[in-house]
Amino acid sequence: MNIQKYLFLNQDKEYAEFQANLIPSIERKSIIGVRTPVLRKLAKDIVKSKEEIEFINILPHDYFEEYQLHSFIISLFNDFETCISEVEKFLPYIDNWATSDQLSPTIFKKHKSELLAHIKIWLNSDKTYTVRFAIGMLMRHFLDEDFDTKYNDMVANLRSDEYYINMMIAWYFATALAKQYNSTIPYIENKKLDVWTHNKTIQKAIESYRITKKQKEYLRTLKIK
């Protein structure tokens, strides 16, 4: 299959402009304009036809949609060791928040202890989207039955000048407030985050339907002016 040809056959130029506005960190010319459902279906077709190894071995890619497709393909892998190996190869090439956030292998939920060891390494990376991905994995897999305040500590201790890291920290803590309010509210009360991220966390939590009205009222009093 000629993947680039297929992508251009499914091009939506208006959608490309929309995507470009959402992802200013990448060049406009690298965005073809292919909608996510098309990419997800293509990923499944590629895996089904066993052509995935040929595609994911070609790095770097030329287009944003190829990176998205790469994320979707890896996310379908059902062998943990193969999946984590491919994730490790791929992470250094990710250059935008959308690809980082779309990379979410389903197999990870069955191997949380092994995943956690990798997350700890990724959090110390000097690459913005590797750190963002690590925070996202903690948010997706460690805020429910496996929750421990040590995960909050791992995220709260991060300090960065990168917008996309700080935004993910805020997203993490807003989600933690929704799922583990009593264990997480002290991080806001005691100002464990930098000012911008602290206030962004409160904003995102207040926007959440999972936070009660009473909790939202209290959170508003904790904003740093």
Foldseek 3Di string as FASTA:
>chain_A
DPVVVVLLVQFDVVQLVVVCVVWVQDDSVQERHHDDVVLLVVLVVCVVVVVLVVLLVDPPDRHPSSLQSNLNNLLADQDVVVSVVSCVVNQVNDGTQVSLLSNHRPNCLVVVVVVVVVLLVQCPDPDDSSNLSSLNCCQVRALAPNDDCVNVVSLLPDDDPDPSSLLSSLVSLLSSCLRPVVSRVVCLVVVSHPQVSSQSNLVSNLVDPSADPVRNVVSVVSHDD
